[in-house]
Amino acid sequence: MKYLKAFGAFWYDFIVGDDWRIAIGVAVALGVSAGLVHLGVPAWWVVPVATVIILAASLRRATRGV
């Protein structure tokens, strides 16, 4: 059981890391992209646009206190 807990902790730390908001944003972007593709809409642009938005929001939060 100790190994299973360590395995789960590793993946949580690897995916979520320091900011859970980034992990949620990426998951939402991938979900929206998959949904659009399922509807037949070209969705190659969703993840790059979301990446720019998520990065800008993260940088704004990080530099606000400086």
PDB file of N, CA and C in Angstrom:
ATOM      1  N   MET A   1       0.824  -1.190   0.000  1.00  0.00           N
ATOM      2  CA  MET A   1       0.000   0.000   0.000  1.00  0.00           C
ATOM      3  C   MET A   1       0.874   1.261   0.000  1.00  0.00           C
ATOM      4  N   LYS A   2       2.033   1.178   0.610  1.00  0.00           N
ATOM      5  CA  LYS A   2       2.942   2.314   0.650  1.00  0.00           C
ATOM      6  C   LYS A   2       3.384   2.704  -0.769  1.00  0.00           C
ATOM      7  N   TYR A   3       3.621   1.688  -1.606  1.00  0.00           N
ATOM      8  CA  TYR A   3       4.053   1.963  -2.974  1.00  0.00           C
ATOM      9  C   TYR A   3       2.932   2.600  -3.800  1.00  0.00           C
ATOM     10  N   LEU A   4       1.712   2.168  -3.555  1.00  0.00           N
ATOM     11  CA  LEU A   4       0.571   2.737  -4.266  1.00  0.00           C
ATOM     12  C   LEU A   4       0.366   4.205  -3.890  1.00  0.00           C
ATOM     13  N   LYS A   5       0.521   4.521  -2.621  1.00  0.00           N
ATOM     14  CA  LYS A   5       0.395   5.907  -2.165  1.00  0.00           C
ATOM     15  C   LYS A   5       1.514   6.767  -2.758  1.00  0.00           C
ATOM     16  N   ALA A   6       2.728   6.236  -2.786  1.00  0.00           N
ATOM     17  CA  ALA A   6       3.854   6.973  -3.368  1.00  0.00           C
ATOM     18  C   ALA A   6       3.651   7.184  -4.864  1.00  0.00           C
ATOM     19  N   PHE A   7       3.109   6.192  -5.545  1.00  0.00           N
ATOM     20  CA  PHE A   7       2.832   6.304  -6.975  1.00  0.00           C
ATOM     21  C   PHE A   7       1.801   7.396  -7.239  1.00  0.00           C
ATOM     22  N   GLY A   8       0.724   7.401  -6.448  1.00  0.00           N
ATOM     23  CA  GLY A   8      -0.292   8.435  -6.589  1.00  0.00           C
ATOM     24  C   GLY A   8       0.246   9.822  -6.275  1.00  0.00           C
ATOM     25  N   ALA A   9       1.077   9.920  -5.240  1.00  0.00           N
ATOM     26  CA  ALA A   9       1.668  11.212  -4.877  1.00  0.00           C
ATOM     27  C   ALA A   9       2.588  11.728  -5.982  1.00  0.00           C
ATOM     28  N   PHE A  10       3.329  10.815  -6.609  1.00  0.00           N
ATOM     29  CA  PHE A  10       4.195  11.216  -7.709  1.00  0.00           C
ATOM     30  C   PHE A  10       3.385  11.812  -8.853  1.00  0.00           C
ATOM     31  N   TRP A  11       2.322  11.124  -9.274  1.00  0.00           N
ATOM     32  CA  TRP A  11       1.534  11.606 -10.401  1.00  0.00           C
ATOM     33  C   TRP A  11       0.798  12.892 -10.071  1.00  0.00           C
ATOM     34  N   TYR A  12       0.327  13.020  -8.850  1.00  0.00           N
ATOM     35  CA  TYR A  12      -0.323  14.274  -8.445  1.00  0.00           C
ATOM     36  C   TYR A  12       0.680  15.423  -8.527  1.00  0.00           C
ATOM     37  N   ASP A  13       1.869  15.214  -7.994  1.00  0.00           N
ATOM     38  CA  ASP A  13       2.894  16.257  -8.017  1.00  0.00           C
ATOM     39  C   ASP A  13       3.358  16.545  -9.445  1.00  0.00           C
ATOM     40  N   PHE A  14       3.428  15.512 -10.276  1.00  0.00           N
ATOM     41  CA  PHE A  14       3.875  15.677 -11.656  1.00  0.00           C
ATOM     42  C   PHE A  14       2.853  16.455 -12.473  1.00  0.00           C
ATOM     43  N   ILE A  15       1.580  16.152 -12.305  1.00  0.00           N
ATOM     44  CA  ILE A  15       0.533  16.795 -13.110  1.00  0.00           C
ATOM     45  C   ILE A  15       0.142  18.152 -12.539  1.00  0.00           C
ATOM     46  N   VAL A  16      -0.130  18.214 -11.258  1.00  0.00           N
ATOM     47  CA  VAL A  16      -0.592  19.454 -10.653  1.00  0.00           C
ATOM     48  C   VAL A  16       0.577  20.385 -10.370  1.00  0.00           C
ATOM     49  N   GLY A  17       1.650  19.852  -9.804  1.00  0.00           N
ATOM     50  CA  GLY A  17       2.827  20.666  -9.539  1.00  0.00           C
ATOM     51  C   GLY A  17       2.554  21.771  -8.543  1.00  0.00           C
ATOM     52  N   ASP A  18       2.967  22.982  -8.881  1.00  0.00           N
ATOM     53  CA  ASP A  18       2.838  24.110  -7.969  1.00  0.00           C
ATOM     54  C   ASP A  18       1.497  24.822  -8.084  1.00  0.00           C
ATOM     55  N   ASP A  19       0.851  24.733  -9.230  1.00  0.00           N
ATOM     56  CA  ASP A  19      -0.372  25.513  -9.437  1.00  0.00           C
ATOM     57  C   ASP A  19      -1.472  24.634 -10.019  1.00  0.00           C
ATOM     58  N   TRP A  20      -2.497  24.387  -9.238  1.00  0.00           N
ATOM     59  CA  TRP A  20      -3.597  23.536  -9.677  1.00  0.00           C
ATOM     60  C   TRP A  20      -4.419  24.205 -10.769  1.00  0.00           C
ATOM     61  N   ARG A  21      -4.360  25.539 -10.840  1.00  0.00           N
ATOM     62  CA  ARG A  21      -5.143  26.253 -11.848  1.00  0.00           C
ATOM     63  C   ARG A  21      -4.655  25.938 -13.263  1.00  0.00           C
ATOM     64  N   ILE A  22      -3.355  25.774 -13.403  1.00  0.00           N
ATOM     65  CA  ILE A  22      -2.796  25.436 -14.715  1.00  0.00           C
ATOM     66  C   ILE A  22      -3.252  24.044 -15.125  1.00  0.00           C
ATOM     67  N   ALA A  23      -3.229  23.095 -14.201  1.00  0.00           N
ATOM     68  CA  ALA A  23      -3.663  21.729 -14.514  1.00  0.00           C
ATOM     69  C   ALA A  23      -5.136  21.708 -14.924  1.00  0.00           C
ATOM     70  N   ILE A  24      -5.971  22.451 -14.224  1.00  0.00           N
ATOM     71  CA  ILE A  24      -7.393  22.517 -14.576  1.00  0.00           C
ATOM     72  C   ILE A  24      -7.576  23.182 -15.940  1.00  0.00           C
ATOM     73  N   GLY A  25      -6.834  24.245 -16.192  1.00  0.00           N
ATOM     74  CA  GLY A  25      -6.942  24.942 -17.480  1.00  0.00           C
ATOM     75  C   GLY A  25      -6.555  24.058 -18.649  1.00  0.00           C
ATOM     76  N   VAL A  26      -5.494  23.290 -18.489  1.00  0.00           N
ATOM     77  CA  VAL A  26      -5.077  22.377 -19.557  1.00  0.00           C
ATOM     78  C   VAL A  26      -6.120  21.283 -19.761  1.00  0.00           C
ATOM     79  N   ALA A  27      -6.649  20.742 -18.669  1.00  0.00           N
ATOM     80  CA  ALA A  27      -7.677  19.705 -18.776  1.00  0.00           C
ATOM     81  C   ALA A  27      -8.925  20.247 -19.477  1.00  0.00           C
ATOM     82  N   VAL A  28      -9.324  21.464 -19.141  1.00  0.00           N
ATOM     83  CA  VAL A  28     -10.488  22.074 -19.789  1.00  0.00           C
ATOM     84  C   VAL A  28     -10.206  22.314 -21.272  1.00  0.00           C
ATOM     85  N   ALA A  29      -9.021  22.804 -21.598  1.00  0.00           N
ATOM     86  CA  ALA A  29      -8.671  23.049 -22.998  1.00  0.00           C
ATOM     87  C   ALA A  29      -8.691  21.753 -23.802  1.00  0.00           C
ATOM     88  N   LEU A  30      -8.159  20.684 -23.239  1.00  0.00           N
ATOM     89  CA  LEU A  30      -8.181  19.403 -23.937  1.00  0.00           C
ATOM     90  C   LEU A  30      -9.608  18.883 -24.086  1.00  0.00           C
ATOM     91  N   GLY A  31     -10.434  19.077 -23.065  1.00  0.00           N
ATOM     92  CA  GLY A  31     -11.826  18.657 -23.147  1.00  0.00           C
ATOM     93  C   GLY A  31     -12.608  19.426 -24.193  1.00  0.00           C
ATOM     94  N   VAL A  32     -12.411  20.741 -24.229  1.00  0.00           N
ATOM     95  CA  VAL A  32     -13.084  21.569 -25.237  1.00  0.00           C
ATOM     96  C   VAL A  32     -12.635  21.169 -26.637  1.00  0.00           C
ATOM     97  N   SER A  33     -11.340  20.948 -26.782  1.00  0.00           N
ATOM     98  CA  SER A  33     -10.808  20.525 -28.082  1.00  0.00           C
ATOM     99  C   SER A  33     -11.394  19.188 -28.504  1.00  0.00           C
ATOM    100  N   ALA A  34     -11.455  18.243 -27.601  1.00  0.00           N
ATOM    101  CA  ALA A  34     -12.031  16.929 -27.920  1.00  0.00           C
ATOM    102  C   ALA A  34     -13.514  17.056 -28.263  1.00  0.00           C
ATOM    103  N   GLY A  35     -14.220  17.896 -27.532  1.00  0.00           N
ATOM    104  CA  GLY A  35     -15.635  18.097 -27.818  1.00  0.00           C
ATOM    105  C   GLY A  35     -15.866  18.700 -29.188  1.00  0.00           C
ATOM    106  N   LEU A  36     -15.066  19.677 -29.553  1.00  0.00           N
ATOM    107  CA  LEU A  36     -15.211  20.296 -30.874  1.00  0.00           C
ATOM    108  C   LEU A  36     -14.877  19.316 -31.990  1.00  0.00           C
ATOM    109  N   VAL A  37     -13.834  18.514 -31.786  1.00  0.00           N
ATOM    110  CA  VAL A  37     -13.484  17.516 -32.794  1.00  0.00           C
ATOM    111  C   VAL A  37     -14.606  16.499 -32.940  1.00  0.00           C
ATOM    112  N   HIS A  38     -15.209  16.123 -31.839  1.00  0.00           N
ATOM    113  CA  HIS A  38     -16.324  15.181 -31.877  1.00  0.00           C
ATOM    114  C   HIS A  38     -17.507  15.753 -32.679  1.00  0.00           C
ATOM    115  N   LEU A  39     -17.676  17.056 -32.629  1.00  0.00           N
ATOM    116  CA  LEU A  39     -18.746  17.712 -33.385  1.00  0.00           C
ATOM    117  C   LEU A  39     -18.363  17.962 -34.838  1.00  0.00           C
ATOM    118  N   GLY A  40     -17.119  17.667 -35.197  1.00  0.00           N
ATOM    119  CA  GLY A  40     -16.671  17.862 -36.569  1.00  0.00           C
ATOM    120  C   GLY A  40     -16.077  19.223 -36.842  1.00  0.00           C
ATOM    121  N   VAL A  41     -15.814  19.990 -35.803  1.00  0.00           N
ATOM    122  CA  VAL A  41     -15.247  21.322 -35.956  1.00  0.00           C
ATOM    123  C   VAL A  41     -13.720  21.217 -35.848  1.00  0.00           C
ATOM    124  N   PRO A  42     -12.981  21.847 -36.744  1.00  0.00           N
ATOM    125  CA  PRO A  42     -11.518  21.845 -36.614  1.00  0.00           C
ATOM    126  C   PRO A  42     -11.112  22.558 -35.315  1.00  0.00           C
ATOM    127  N   ALA A  43     -10.380  21.878 -34.468  1.00  0.00           N
ATOM    128  CA  ALA A  43     -10.077  22.434 -33.141  1.00  0.00           C
ATOM    129  C   ALA A  43      -8.591  22.476 -32.866  1.00  0.00           C
ATOM    130  N   TRP A  44      -7.775  22.557 -33.891  1.00  0.00           N
ATOM    131  CA  TRP A  44      -6.329  22.572 -33.689  1.00  0.00           C
ATOM    132  C   TRP A  44      -5.874  23.820 -32.943  1.00  0.00           C
ATOM    133  N   TRP A  45      -6.650  24.862 -32.974  1.00  0.00           N
ATOM    134  CA  TRP A  45      -6.277  26.154 -32.409  1.00  0.00           C
ATOM    135  C   TRP A  45      -6.621  26.293 -30.931  1.00  0.00           C
ATOM    136  N   VAL A  46      -7.433  25.409 -30.386  1.00  0.00           N
ATOM    137  CA  VAL A  46      -7.922  25.583 -29.017  1.00  0.00           C
ATOM    138  C   VAL A  46      -6.791  25.489 -27.994  1.00  0.00           C
ATOM    139  N   VAL A  47      -5.983  24.461 -28.080  1.00  0.00           N
ATOM    140  CA  VAL A  47      -4.926  24.260 -27.076  1.00  0.00           C
ATOM    141  C   VAL A  47      -3.860  25.361 -27.140  1.00  0.00           C
ATOM    142  N   PRO A  48      -3.381  25.781 -28.320  1.00  0.00           N
ATOM    143  CA  PRO A  48      -2.412  26.896 -28.320  1.00  0.00           C
ATOM    144  C   PRO A  48      -2.971  28.198 -27.745  1.00  0.00           C
ATOM    145  N   VAL A  49      -4.219  28.518 -28.082  1.00  0.00           N
ATOM    146  CA  VAL A  49      -4.830  29.738 -27.547  1.00  0.00           C
ATOM    147  C   VAL A  49      -5.000  29.629 -26.036  1.00  0.00           C
ATOM    148  N   ALA A  50      -5.462  28.484 -25.577  1.00  0.00           N
ATOM    149  CA  ALA A  50      -5.617  28.282 -24.135  1.00  0.00           C
ATOM    150  C   ALA A  50      -4.276  28.347 -23.419  1.00  0.00           C
ATOM    151  N   THR A  51      -3.239  27.833 -24.043  1.00  0.00           N
ATOM    152  CA  THR A  51      -1.907  27.879 -23.442  1.00  0.00           C
ATOM    153  C   THR A  51      -1.455  29.325 -23.232  1.00  0.00           C
ATOM    154  N   VAL A  52      -1.657  30.167 -24.211  1.00  0.00           N
ATOM    155  CA  VAL A  52      -1.285  31.580 -24.086  1.00  0.00           C
ATOM    156  C   VAL A  52      -2.089  32.253 -22.978  1.00  0.00           C
ATOM    157  N   ILE A  53      -3.383  31.978 -22.925  1.00  0.00           N
ATOM    158  CA  ILE A  53      -4.237  32.581 -21.900  1.00  0.00           C
ATOM    159  C   ILE A  53      -3.849  32.101 -20.506  1.00  0.00           C
ATOM    160  N   ILE A  54      -3.623  30.796 -20.368  1.00  0.00           N
ATOM    161  CA  ILE A  54      -3.250  30.227 -19.064  1.00  0.00           C
ATOM    162  C   ILE A  54      -1.903  30.764 -18.616  1.00  0.00           C
ATOM    163  N   LEU A  55      -0.953  30.847 -19.535  1.00  0.00           N
ATOM    164  CA  LEU A  55       0.374  31.376 -19.193  1.00  0.00           C
ATOM    165  C   LEU A  55       0.292  32.839 -18.774  1.00  0.00           C
ATOM    166  N   ALA A  56      -0.490  33.646 -19.501  1.00  0.00           N
ATOM    167  CA  ALA A  56      -0.622  35.065 -19.150  1.00  0.00           C
ATOM    168  C   ALA A  56      -1.257  35.225 -17.774  1.00  0.00           C
ATOM    169  N   ALA A  57      -2.282  34.427 -17.483  1.00  0.00           N
ATOM    170  CA  ALA A  57      -2.938  34.513 -16.173  1.00  0.00           C
ATOM    171  C   ALA A  57      -1.985  34.082 -15.061  1.00  0.00           C
ATOM    172  N   SER A  58      -1.209  33.045 -15.314  1.00  0.00           N
ATOM    173  CA  SER A  58      -0.264  32.566 -14.314  1.00  0.00           C
ATOM    174  C   SER A  58       0.832  33.600 -14.048  1.00  0.00           C
ATOM    175  N   LEU A  59       1.341  34.202 -15.098  1.00  0.00           N
ATOM    176  CA  LEU A  59       2.368  35.236 -14.931  1.00  0.00           C
ATOM    177  C   LEU A  59       1.823  36.465 -14.214  1.00  0.00           C
ATOM    178  N   ARG A  60       0.589  36.832 -14.524  1.00  0.00           N
ATOM    179  CA  ARG A  60      -0.027  37.971 -13.834  1.00  0.00           C
ATOM    180  C   ARG A  60      -0.152  37.697 -12.340  1.00  0.00           C
ATOM    181  N   ARG A  61      -0.590  36.478 -11.979  1.00  0.00           N
ATOM    182  CA  ARG A  61      -0.700  36.121 -10.565  1.00  0.00           C
ATOM    183  C   ARG A  61       0.663  36.098  -9.893  1.00  0.00           C
ATOM    184  N   ALA A  62       1.675  35.621 -10.603  1.00  0.00           N
ATOM    185  CA  ALA A  62       3.011  35.495 -10.008  1.00  0.00           C
ATOM    186  C   ALA A  62       3.687  36.844  -9.820  1.00  0.00           C
ATOM    187  N   THR A  63       3.448  37.779 -10.721  1.00  0.00           N
ATOM    188  CA  THR A  63       4.131  39.072 -10.635  1.00  0.00           C
ATOM    189  C   THR A  63       3.332  40.122  -9.908  1.00  0.00           C
ATOM    190  N   ARG A  64       2.125  39.826  -9.532  1.00  0.00           N
ATOM    191  CA  ARG A  64       1.285  40.806  -8.839  1.00  0.00           C
ATOM    192  C   ARG A  64       1.891  41.219  -7.512  1.00  0.00           C
ATOM    193  N   GLY A  65       2.504  40.288  -6.795  1.00  0.00           N
ATOM    194  CA  GLY A  65       3.065  40.599  -5.492  1.00  0.00           C
ATOM    195  C   GLY A  65       4.426  41.270  -5.559  1.00  0.00           C
ATOM    196  N   VAL A  66       5.029  41.311  -6.732  1.00  0.00           N
ATOM    197  CA  VAL A  66       6.391  41.872  -6.866  1.00  0.00           C
ATOM    198  C   VAL A  66       6.333  43.370  -6.980  1.00  0.00           C
TER     199      VAL A  66
END
